Protein backbone atom coordinates (compact mmCIF):
# COMPACT_ATOMS: atom_id res chain seq x y z
CA MET A 1 13.37 -15.21 -20.12
CA ILE A 2 13.30 -11.96 -17.99
CA LYS A 3 13.72 -12.42 -14.32
CA PHE A 4 11.83 -10.23 -11.76
CA LEU A 5 12.90 -9.63 -8.05
CA LEU A 6 10.64 -8.01 -5.39
CA LEU A 7 12.71 -7.02 -2.36
CA ARG A 8 9.55 -7.18 0.06
CA GLY A 9 11.26 -6.21 3.34
CA GLN A 10 11.32 -7.91 6.61
CA GLU A 11 9.19 -10.62 7.91
CA PRO A 12 6.35 -8.83 9.67
CA LYS A 13 7.09 -8.31 13.35
CA ASP A 14 4.09 -6.42 14.43
CA ARG A 15 1.82 -9.48 14.23
CA ASN A 16 2.39 -13.27 14.26
CA PRO A 17 4.48 -14.10 11.01
CA VAL A 18 2.35 -17.10 10.37
CA GLU A 19 -0.57 -14.68 9.42
CA THR A 20 1.68 -13.90 6.45
CA TYR A 21 2.19 -17.21 5.47
CA TYR A 22 -0.23 -18.10 2.48
CA ASN A 23 -0.88 -21.49 1.44
CA ASN A 24 -1.79 -20.08 -1.98
CA LEU A 25 -2.37 -16.71 -3.75
CA SER A 26 -6.10 -16.80 -3.14
CA GLU A 27 -5.70 -16.23 0.48
CA CYS A 28 -2.80 -13.85 0.06
CA ASP A 29 -3.30 -10.27 1.48
CA ASP A 30 -0.13 -8.58 0.43
CA ILE A 31 -0.92 -6.65 -2.67
CA TYR A 32 2.98 -6.20 -3.73
CA THR A 33 2.88 -10.31 -4.18
CA LEU A 34 -0.40 -10.06 -5.86
CA MET A 35 1.01 -7.26 -8.25
CA VAL A 36 3.94 -9.45 -8.92
CA ASN A 37 1.73 -12.37 -9.99
CA GLN A 38 -0.30 -10.11 -12.07
CA LEU A 39 2.75 -8.98 -13.99
CA LEU A 40 3.81 -12.45 -14.54
CA GLU A 41 0.48 -13.10 -16.07
CA ILE A 42 1.02 -9.93 -18.20
CA HIS A 43 4.16 -11.00 -19.53
CA PRO A 44 4.52 -14.83 -20.03
CA ASP A 45 8.24 -14.56 -20.57
CA TRP A 46 8.67 -13.32 -17.17
CA MET A 47 9.69 -15.28 -13.67
CA GLY A 48 9.45 -13.82 -10.46
CA THR A 49 11.15 -14.06 -6.86
CA ILE A 50 9.84 -12.38 -3.85
CA VAL A 51 12.50 -12.04 -1.02
CA TYR A 52 11.95 -11.25 2.73
CA TRP A 53 14.66 -10.93 5.43
CA GLY A 54 13.76 -12.67 8.55
CA GLY A 55 12.25 -16.23 8.79
CA ASN A 56 12.91 -19.27 7.25
CA ARG A 57 10.59 -20.22 4.37
CA ARG A 58 10.23 -21.00 0.71
CA LYS A 59 6.91 -21.07 -1.04
CA THR A 60 6.16 -21.90 -4.62
CA TYR A 61 3.28 -20.30 -5.74
CA SER A 62 3.65 -21.23 -9.35
CA PHE A 63 6.15 -22.49 -11.67
CA LYS A 64 6.77 -18.81 -12.24
CA LEU A 65 6.69 -17.37 -8.60
CA LEU A 66 8.83 -18.31 -5.73
CA GLU A 67 8.86 -16.78 -2.37
CA ILE A 68 12.13 -16.70 -0.21
CA ARG A 69 12.33 -15.74 3.72
CA GLU A 70 15.93 -16.04 4.84
CA THR A 71 17.61 -14.73 7.93
CA SER A 72 19.43 -12.30 5.63
CA ILE A 73 19.27 -11.35 2.25
CA HIS A 74 22.42 -13.08 0.33
CA PRO A 75 23.88 -10.55 -1.87
CA ASN A 76 25.29 -13.23 -4.23
CA ALA A 77 22.18 -15.05 -5.03
CA TYR A 78 20.30 -12.48 -6.92
CA ILE A 79 23.01 -10.74 -9.48
CA ASN A 80 21.41 -12.32 -12.53
CA TYR A 81 17.74 -10.36 -12.11
CA ASP A 82 16.80 -8.17 -14.89
CA ILE A 83 14.17 -5.93 -12.99
CA VAL A 84 14.26 -5.38 -9.37
CA TRP A 85 11.80 -3.73 -7.13
CA ALA A 86 13.11 -2.40 -3.73
CA ARG A 87 10.01 -1.86 -1.69
CA GLY A 88 10.42 -0.02 1.61
CA GLY A 89 13.95 1.69 1.31
CA PHE A 90 15.67 -0.33 3.90
CA PRO A 91 19.32 -0.29 4.38
CA GLU A 92 19.28 -4.19 4.49
CA TYR A 93 19.00 -3.93 0.52
CA ASP A 94 22.01 -2.13 -0.14
CA PRO A 95 24.62 -5.27 -0.37
CA VAL A 96 22.12 -7.08 -2.82
CA LEU A 97 21.73 -3.97 -4.89
CA PHE A 98 25.50 -3.10 -4.94
CA HIS A 99 26.08 -6.70 -6.23
CA ILE A 100 23.50 -6.69 -8.69
CA ARG A 101 24.58 -3.45 -10.29
CA LYS A 102 28.13 -4.68 -10.33
CA HIS A 103 27.57 -7.91 -11.82
CA ASN A 104 24.43 -6.82 -13.88
CA PRO A 105 24.78 -3.20 -15.05
CA LYS A 106 21.86 -3.05 -17.55
CA ALA A 107 19.31 -4.28 -14.53
CA PHE A 108 16.60 -2.12 -14.13
CA ILE A 109 16.22 -1.09 -10.28
CA ILE A 110 12.90 0.54 -9.15
CA TYR A 111 12.74 2.32 -5.55
CA TYR A 112 9.37 2.64 -3.92
CA GLY A 113 9.82 3.76 -0.45
CA ALA A 114 5.95 2.97 0.50
CA ASN A 115 6.52 5.36 3.54
CA ALA A 116 6.24 9.05 4.33
CA LYS A 117 9.94 8.92 5.85
CA ARG A 118 11.71 6.98 3.10
CA PHE A 119 9.92 8.14 -0.23
CA TYR A 120 13.16 8.81 -1.98
CA PRO A 121 16.47 7.00 -1.61
CA LYS A 122 18.42 7.72 1.38
CA ASN A 123 20.73 4.79 2.12
CA LYS A 124 24.18 4.08 0.51
CA PHE A 125 22.67 2.85 -2.84
CA LYS A 126 21.40 5.15 -5.10
CA ASP A 127 21.88 4.13 -8.63
CA TYR A 128 18.01 3.53 -9.27
CA ASN A 129 16.52 3.81 -12.85
CA LEU A 130 13.15 4.85 -11.41
CA ILE A 131 11.53 6.03 -8.36
CA LEU A 132 7.76 5.67 -7.47
CA VAL A 133 6.09 7.78 -5.09
CA ASP A 134 2.43 8.29 -3.86
CA SER A 135 2.03 11.90 -4.35
CA TYR A 136 2.89 15.16 -6.43
CA GLU A 137 4.12 16.66 -3.40
CA GLN A 138 6.69 13.88 -2.74
CA GLN A 139 7.57 13.65 -6.59
CA LYS A 140 8.52 17.35 -6.28
CA ILE A 141 10.63 16.88 -3.34
CA CYS A 142 12.28 13.82 -4.91
CA LYS A 143 12.92 15.54 -8.36
CA LYS A 144 14.96 17.94 -6.16
CA GLU A 145 16.62 15.28 -3.85
CA CYS A 146 17.31 12.98 -6.97
CA PRO A 147 17.18 14.85 -10.15
CA HIS A 148 18.72 12.49 -12.13
CA ILE A 149 16.57 9.48 -11.59
CA PRO A 150 13.07 9.52 -13.17
CA CYS A 151 10.16 9.92 -10.69
CA THR A 152 6.69 8.94 -11.18
CA LEU A 153 3.39 8.28 -9.05
CA PHE A 154 2.30 4.67 -7.93
CA ILE A 155 -1.34 3.28 -7.78
CA LYS A 156 -1.46 1.24 -4.55
CA PRO A 157 -4.61 -1.31 -4.94
CA ALA A 158 -6.41 -3.54 -2.24
CA PRO A 159 -6.17 -7.36 -2.42
CA ASP A 160 -9.04 -7.77 -4.87
CA ASN A 161 -9.12 -11.65 -3.82
CA LEU A 162 -10.03 -10.75 -0.27
CA ILE A 163 -11.41 -7.25 -0.11
CA GLY A 164 -14.67 -6.12 -1.47
CA PRO A 165 -18.44 -5.59 -0.43
CA VAL A 166 -19.72 -7.99 2.20
CA VAL A 167 -23.63 -8.20 2.70
CA VAL A 168 -23.96 -7.44 6.44
CA PRO A 169 -26.07 -4.86 8.48
CA LYS A 170 -24.88 -1.44 8.74
CA LYS A 171 -24.06 -1.28 12.26
CA TYR A 172 -21.90 1.98 12.40
CA ASP A 173 -21.81 5.28 10.70
CA VAL A 174 -17.91 5.69 10.41
CA CYS A 175 -15.23 3.14 9.79
CA TYR A 176 -12.13 4.15 11.37
CA PRO A 177 -8.90 1.88 10.68
CA ALA A 178 -6.15 2.75 12.69
CA ASN A 179 -3.38 0.42 14.57
CA GLY A 180 -3.12 1.52 18.49
CA ARG A 181 0.50 0.95 18.25
CA GLN A 182 0.90 3.85 15.94
CA GLN A 183 -1.38 6.30 17.67
CA GLN A 184 1.01 9.33 17.53
CA TYR A 185 0.34 8.87 13.60
CA LYS A 186 -3.07 7.72 13.26
CA GLY A 187 -4.96 10.25 15.04
CA GLN A 188 -7.05 8.38 17.88
CA ALA A 189 -6.46 11.45 20.30
CA PHE A 190 -8.14 13.73 17.74
CA VAL A 191 -11.03 11.16 16.74
CA TYR A 192 -11.89 10.10 20.61
CA ASN A 193 -11.89 13.87 21.88
CA SER A 194 -13.74 15.27 18.97
CA VAL A 195 -16.40 12.79 17.42
CA PRO A 196 -19.93 14.01 18.10
CA GLU A 197 -22.16 11.96 20.35
CA ASP A 198 -24.57 11.14 17.32
CA ILE A 199 -22.03 9.51 15.40
CA THR A 200 -21.02 5.83 15.82
CA VAL A 201 -17.16 5.06 15.20
CA TYR A 202 -15.75 1.59 14.45
CA ASN A 203 -11.90 1.57 15.16
CA LEU A 204 -10.54 -1.28 13.38
CA GLY A 205 -6.91 -2.31 14.61
CA THR A 206 -4.90 -3.06 17.74
CA PRO A 207 -6.57 -0.82 20.55
CA CYS A 208 -4.35 1.95 21.76
CA ASP A 209 -3.97 2.98 25.24
CA ILE A 210 -6.36 6.15 25.05
CA LYS A 211 -9.63 5.82 26.74
CA CYS A 212 -12.33 6.04 23.74
CA PRO A 213 -15.93 7.43 24.17
CA ASN A 214 -18.89 5.17 24.21
CA ASN A 215 -19.72 5.74 20.94
CA VAL A 216 -16.39 4.59 19.47
CA TYR A 217 -16.15 0.59 19.07
CA ARG A 218 -12.71 -0.75 18.83
CA ASN A 219 -11.84 -4.28 17.39
CA ARG A 220 -8.91 -6.14 16.09
CA VAL A 221 -9.45 -8.68 13.52
CA LEU A 222 -7.61 -10.72 10.92
CA ARG A 223 -7.00 -8.92 7.36
CA LYS A 224 -8.67 -11.99 5.99
CA ASN A 225 -11.62 -11.24 7.78
CA ILE A 226 -11.54 -7.39 7.49
CA ALA A 227 -13.85 -6.98 4.42
CA ALA A 228 -16.93 -8.04 6.27
CA GLU A 229 -15.79 -5.33 9.07
CA TYR A 230 -15.57 -2.53 6.83
CA SER A 231 -18.72 -3.59 5.27
CA LYS A 232 -20.54 -2.94 8.56
CA CYS A 233 -19.99 0.98 8.21
CA LYS A 234 -21.78 3.60 6.01
CA CYS A 235 -18.38 5.76 5.24
CA GLY A 236 -14.83 5.98 6.28
CA ILE A 237 -12.49 8.42 7.48
CA ILE A 238 -8.30 8.70 7.68
CA VAL A 239 -6.95 11.35 9.73
CA TYR A 240 -3.37 10.16 9.72
CA ASN A 241 -0.33 12.63 9.56
CA LYS A 242 2.66 12.55 7.10
CA GLY A 243 5.10 11.22 9.94
CA LEU A 244 4.54 7.76 8.92
CA ASP A 245 1.75 6.67 6.18
CA SER A 246 1.97 7.28 2.54
CA CYS A 247 -1.12 6.49 0.76
CA PRO A 248 -2.39 4.13 3.71
CA ARG A 249 -3.68 0.77 2.30
CA VAL A 250 -7.06 1.29 4.49
CA LEU A 251 -7.98 3.80 1.73
CA PRO A 252 -8.37 1.74 -1.41
CA GLU A 253 -9.48 -0.98 0.90
CA MET A 254 -12.51 1.15 2.14
CA LEU A 255 -13.19 2.21 -1.46
CA ALA A 256 -13.20 -1.42 -2.73
CA CYS A 257 -15.73 -2.26 0.06
CA ASP A 258 -17.90 0.54 -1.31
CA LEU A 259 -17.36 2.94 1.48
CA PRO A 260 -17.08 6.52 0.77
CA VAL A 261 -13.93 8.28 2.38
CA ILE A 262 -13.67 11.35 3.97
CA CYS A 263 -9.66 12.23 4.38
CA ALA A 264 -7.94 14.86 6.30
CA ASP A 265 -5.54 16.87 4.22
CA THR A 266 -2.63 15.64 6.44
CA PHE A 267 -0.95 12.69 4.68
CA TYR A 268 0.41 11.82 1.14
CA PHE A 269 -1.70 10.15 -1.43
CA TRP A 270 -2.42 10.68 -5.16
CA LYS A 271 -5.66 12.81 -4.44
CA GLU A 272 -7.07 12.99 -7.81
CA MET A 273 -6.72 9.12 -8.26
CA TYR A 274 -8.29 8.27 -5.19
CA ILE A 275 -10.81 10.63 -4.22
CA THR A 276 -13.44 11.84 -6.54
CA GLU A 277 -16.86 13.22 -6.60
CA LYS A 278 -17.74 9.59 -6.56
CA THR A 279 -15.53 8.42 -3.75
CA GLY A 280 -15.33 10.86 -0.94
CA LEU A 281 -14.06 14.19 0.08
CA ILE A 282 -10.90 15.82 1.35
CA VAL A 283 -11.17 18.65 4.08
CA LYS A 284 -9.18 20.31 6.70
CA GLN A 285 -8.79 17.85 9.76
CA ASP A 286 -11.16 20.16 11.94
CA LYS A 287 -13.82 19.78 9.34
CA ILE A 288 -13.83 16.19 9.31
CA TRP A 289 -17.27 15.50 11.41
CA ASN A 290 -19.17 18.02 8.98
CA ALA A 291 -18.02 16.30 6.08
CA VAL A 292 -18.97 12.92 7.54
CA LYS A 293 -22.38 14.23 8.36
CA TYR A 294 -22.90 15.52 4.86
CA VAL A 295 -21.94 11.98 3.47
CA LEU A 296 -23.96 10.34 5.61
CA ASN A 297 -26.99 12.35 4.54
CA ASN A 298 -25.89 11.80 0.99
CA LEU A 299 -24.77 8.36 0.58
CA ASP A 300 -26.64 7.71 -2.74
CA LYS A 301 -24.24 10.36 -4.58
CA TYR A 302 -21.32 8.11 -4.22
CA SER A 303 -20.00 4.93 -5.94
CA PRO A 304 -16.67 4.36 -4.79
CA ARG A 305 -16.73 0.66 -5.56
CA GLU A 306 -17.51 1.65 -9.29
CA HIS A 307 -14.22 4.02 -9.04
CA TYR A 308 -12.32 1.34 -7.51
CA LEU A 309 -12.69 -1.43 -10.00
CA GLU A 310 -12.08 1.13 -12.95
CA HIS A 311 -8.90 3.03 -11.67
CA LEU A 312 -7.65 1.36 -8.57
CA SER A 313 -7.93 -2.62 -8.59
CA VAL A 314 -4.88 -4.90 -8.75
CA LYS A 315 -5.43 -5.55 -12.66
CA TYR A 316 -5.59 -1.72 -13.48
CA ALA A 317 -2.61 -0.95 -11.01
CA THR A 318 -0.51 -3.52 -12.45
CA SER A 319 -1.24 -2.73 -15.90
CA TYR A 320 -0.12 0.76 -15.04
CA PHE A 321 2.70 -0.24 -13.29
CA SER A 322 3.85 -2.70 -15.99
CA ASN A 323 3.46 -0.16 -18.70
CA LEU A 324 5.73 2.55 -16.62
CA ILE A 325 8.48 -0.28 -16.58
CA GLN A 326 8.28 -1.12 -20.05
CA ARG A 327 8.38 2.71 -21.12
CA PHE A 328 11.36 3.79 -18.55
CA ARG A 329 13.25 0.38 -19.33
CA THR A 330 13.15 1.11 -23.02
CA LYS A 331 14.57 4.47 -22.48
CA GLU A 332 17.36 2.92 -20.32
CA PHE A 333 18.21 0.34 -22.97
CA GLN A 334 18.35 3.24 -25.57
CA ASN A 335 20.66 5.39 -23.56
CA VAL A 336 23.27 2.32 -22.79
């Protein structure tokens, strides 16, 4: 039996943690939880545990998958795990990872920063077997900073159980998902000050303190309801900067809802995997609105949902991830 551990991060503080307490996987919007569950379906001889620090909860999703939330992660509790996925690059993981490596030298430990600031290991523990990144630019930097650790690209899907096209009237031209609490990274000032008067924008997320024009509409909805809100729009935009986000989750989510997406070339992501002639455009930020007008006038040329299902779904992304684990883990065993 192979034991798989996902170090998921801190229990969310930017929203009510209860919003992330799922009764079952059908209502779960966390793609990492869904991917671990899919891994366990691919590998019948694997068991999985997902651990958060903060909170106080134990949830058994199936006889093979357990979620634990505890005040702090107990270093001695997880020393017998065979595969460890450290998501987020947090220093709170270090005691756990050192203990695992000490007691189980053959453990296969995967690093994924999931963030533009922590895309390669920067804390005390650096003895990883594989590093996952979101873009070729990050991979180049990672190979320079961590030359002895294999580094490859990761596919981030949307939660397919909740995100997909919903049949509703198209009320807005553009979907612009951006959290107002992170306005220094998300581009609200640019969007609000530059959007043409003849384009309507639907800004999903906690409102920021910047005054918006009359053709920008703001709304914060629960994640479980967001697919219907995406579906009210004709296309999407992302104008984030590299200060925080790395392949933001809203990109696969909008594609999954069949929205072509126009991306500014200002943030890290696997461009060729997500944006093709079927799914949208990548442009300089000052060309965003010209690109939006082009896409709105040529919507029949795009089929983002089709591309998503073929190349970005949870099933596809997890199969890809599983193959990476098997390939690199086999190499590690060959070198022991």
